[in-house]
Protein backbone atom coordinates (compact mmCIF):
# COMPACT_ATOMS: atom_id res chain seq x y z
CA MET A 1 0.03 0.00 0.00
CA SER A 2 1.40 3.34 -1.05
CA LYS A 3 2.11 6.33 1.30
CA LYS A 4 -0.54 8.24 -0.75
CA VAL A 5 -3.19 5.56 0.05
CA VAL A 6 -2.00 5.48 3.74
CA ALA A 7 -2.46 9.27 3.99
CA VAL A 8 -5.92 9.20 2.36
CA LEU A 9 -6.86 6.58 5.01
CA VAL A 10 -5.62 8.79 7.90
CA VAL A 11 -7.59 11.78 6.58
CA LEU A 12 -10.78 9.61 6.02
CA VAL A 13 -10.47 8.32 9.59
CA LEU A 14 -10.03 11.72 11.08
CA VAL A 15 -12.48 13.34 8.86
CA GLY A 16 -14.95 10.66 7.64
CA GLY A 17 -14.75 8.28 10.58
CA TYR A 18 -17.13 5.27 9.98
CA PHE A 19 -17.92 5.98 6.49
CA GLY A 20 -14.51 6.86 5.41
CA LEU A 21 -13.16 3.54 6.80
CA LYS A 22 -16.12 1.58 5.13
CA TRP A 23 -15.41 3.24 1.82
CA ALA A 24 -11.64 2.53 2.13
CA TYR A 25 -12.19 -1.02 3.03
CA ASN A 26 -14.33 -1.59 0.01
CA LYS A 27 -12.00 0.26 -2.28
CA TYR A 28 -8.66 -0.91 -1.07
CA HIS A 29 -7.16 -3.97 0.58
CA LEU A 30 -6.34 -2.90 4.17
CA PRO A 31 -3.37 -4.25 6.15
CA PRO A 32 -4.42 -7.10 8.40
CA VAL A 33 -3.92 -4.83 11.55
CA VAL A 34 -6.12 -2.08 10.28
CA GLU A 35 -8.64 -4.63 8.97
CA ALA A 36 -8.95 -6.36 12.43
CA PHE A 37 -9.18 -2.98 14.11
CA CYS A 38 -12.15 -2.07 11.80
CA LYS A 39 -13.80 -5.39 12.29
CA THR A 40 -13.50 -5.17 16.14
CA LEU A 41 -15.05 -1.71 16.05
CA GLY A 42 -17.86 -2.91 13.74
CA PHE A 43 -16.95 -0.51 10.87
CA ILE A 44 -16.72 -3.47 8.50
CA GLU A 45 -18.93 -6.58 8.46
CA THR A 46 -17.54 -10.06 8.35
CA GLN A 47 -19.32 -12.96 6.74
CA TYR A 48 -20.71 -15.81 8.66
CA GLN A 49 -18.65 -18.94 8.87
CA ALA A 50 -20.27 -22.24 9.74
CA PRO A 51 -18.47 -23.95 12.68
CA LYS A 52 -16.06 -26.61 11.64
CA LYS A 53 -17.01 -30.33 12.24
CA ILE A 54 -15.27 -32.05 14.96
CA LYS A 55 -13.79 -35.36 13.70
CA ASN A 56 -13.75 -37.04 17.11
CA PRO A 57 -16.43 -35.62 19.35
CA VAL A 58 -15.79 -35.98 23.10
CA LYS A 59 -18.02 -38.69 24.72
CA SER A 60 -20.68 -37.44 27.08
CA ASP A 61 -19.88 -38.03 30.72
CA MET A 62 -23.26 -39.49 31.33
CA VAL A 63 -25.04 -42.42 29.95
CA THR A 64 -28.56 -43.90 30.30
CA VAL A 65 -28.54 -47.31 32.22
CA GLU A 66 -31.52 -49.51 32.14
CA TYR A 67 -31.79 -52.69 34.40
CA SER A 68 -34.43 -55.35 33.72
CA VAL A 69 -35.38 -58.70 35.27
CA ALA A 70 -37.87 -61.01 33.44
CA GLY A 71 -39.04 -64.65 33.79
CA GLY A 72 -41.38 -66.97 35.56
CA ALA A 73 -45.17 -66.26 35.02
CA ASP A 74 -45.58 -62.70 33.94
CA GLY A 75 -47.43 -60.72 36.66
CA TYR A 76 -47.34 -63.52 39.17
CA SER A 77 -43.63 -64.42 39.87
CA LYS A 78 -41.54 -62.18 42.12
CA ALA A 79 -37.85 -61.65 42.61
CA MET A 80 -35.69 -60.07 45.33
CA ILE A 81 -33.81 -57.41 43.39
CA THR A 82 -30.59 -55.72 44.77
CA MET A 83 -29.17 -53.11 42.57
CA THR A 84 -26.57 -50.19 42.59
CA ASN A 85 -28.44 -47.02 41.99
CA SER A 86 -27.52 -43.61 40.22
CA GLN A 87 -25.75 -42.38 43.21
CA GLY A 88 -23.75 -45.59 43.87
CA GLY A 89 -25.90 -46.81 46.67
CA THR A 90 -27.47 -50.10 47.05
CA GLU A 91 -31.26 -50.72 46.93
CA GLN A 92 -33.16 -53.95 47.59
CA SER A 93 -36.77 -54.81 46.94
CA VAL A 94 -39.08 -57.58 46.04
CA GLU A 95 -40.71 -56.84 42.72
CA VAL A 96 -43.37 -58.66 40.48
CA LEU A 97 -41.73 -59.58 37.05
CA PRO A 98 -41.25 -58.38 34.46
CA TRP A 99 -39.50 -55.46 36.25
CA SER A 100 -37.24 -52.61 34.77
CA THR A 101 -35.84 -49.30 35.83
CA SER A 102 -33.60 -46.65 34.29
CA PHE A 103 -31.37 -43.86 35.38
CA ARG A 104 -28.49 -41.65 34.31
CA ALA A 105 -24.82 -42.71 35.35
CA ARG A 106 -21.47 -41.31 35.00
CA ARG A 107 -18.76 -43.13 33.09
CA GLY A 108 -16.65 -45.06 35.38
CA SER A 109 -19.53 -45.97 37.85
CA ILE A 110 -19.92 -49.43 38.97
CA LEU A 111 -23.22 -51.08 38.00
CA SER A 112 -24.61 -54.17 39.71
CA LEU A 113 -27.89 -56.09 39.30
CA VAL A 114 -28.52 -59.07 41.34
CA ALA A 115 -32.12 -60.98 41.29
CA GLN A 116 -33.23 -64.08 43.40
CA LYS A 117 -36.21 -66.03 42.18
CA GLN A 118 -38.87 -66.17 44.90
CA TRP A 119 -40.46 -69.28 43.50
CA ASP A 120 -39.43 -72.88 43.37
CA GLY A 121 -40.20 -73.76 39.85
CA PRO A 122 -37.75 -74.63 37.06
CA THR A 123 -38.71 -71.64 34.94
CA MET A 124 -35.92 -69.39 33.83
CA MET A 125 -35.23 -65.79 35.15
CA THR A 126 -32.93 -63.37 33.20
CA VAL A 127 -31.35 -60.06 34.46
CA GLU A 128 -30.07 -57.54 31.91
CA ILE A 129 -28.04 -54.37 32.07
CA LYS A 130 -28.40 -52.00 29.08
CA VAL A 131 -26.13 -48.94 28.58
CA SER A 132 -27.37 -46.20 26.05
CA GLY A 133 -29.74 -48.76 24.54
CA LYS A 134 -27.30 -51.58 24.07
CA THR A 135 -27.44 -54.78 26.08
CA VAL A 136 -24.01 -55.06 27.67
CA ARG A 137 -24.48 -57.76 30.40
CA THR A 138 -26.96 -60.68 30.92
CA SER A 139 -27.28 -63.55 33.33
CA THR A 140 -29.89 -66.29 33.95
CA SER A 141 -30.98 -68.72 36.39
CA ASN A 142 -33.51 -71.69 36.13
CA ALA A 143 -32.73 -73.25 39.61
CA PRO A 144 -35.46 -73.17 42.19
CA TYR A 145 -34.89 -69.79 44.21
CA GLY A 146 -31.79 -69.35 41.94
CA VAL A 147 -29.77 -66.06 41.67
CA ALA A 148 -28.69 -64.19 38.57
CA THR A 149 -26.19 -61.62 38.73
CA ALA A 150 -24.77 -58.98 36.20
CA SER A 151 -22.15 -56.19 37.00
CA MET A 152 -19.89 -54.00 35.06
CA ILE A 153 -18.00 -50.61 35.07
CA VAL A 154 -19.49 -48.04 32.63
CA GLU A 155 -17.03 -47.18 29.94
C-alpha cells in the first residue's frame, strides 16, 4: 500500500470516521492490523462462517442405564432385586416380574444387578443391563430360588 493511500486513509479516519473507513475497506485492501481493528469496532462486516465439524467428538460423561429382570409367569412371579442406583448406593426390594428401571450414570460408575427367584419352579429368570440402549450384560438362572447376577463398570 502506497504512502498516498495511507495518507488518504488517515484523513478519511479523522474526517470521515465510520463512512470513510467503510469506503476505504471496500476500495482498497487494508493491512491485516487495520482490517482487524475495523472489524473489532464494527466498521466493516464479516461474513458468517459455519462452525467446523469435529472429527472425534468427546464422549458425554453421562449415559443412560436400564436394568431389567424377566421370567417366571408374567405378573405372578416375584424376585428379590438388589441393585446399584444412580448415586452408587445399594437398593433392595421384592418386585413382580417383569421389572425394569432406568437412570443416568457417569462413566466409570460401577453397575450391579442381582435377582433371586422367589419361587421354586424350574422356569428361567434373566437379568439384563443396558447402557445407552445396548445390552452389555445378561445372566440367567433356572434353579429353584436361583440367583442371576450382572455387573460392570461403565466405559
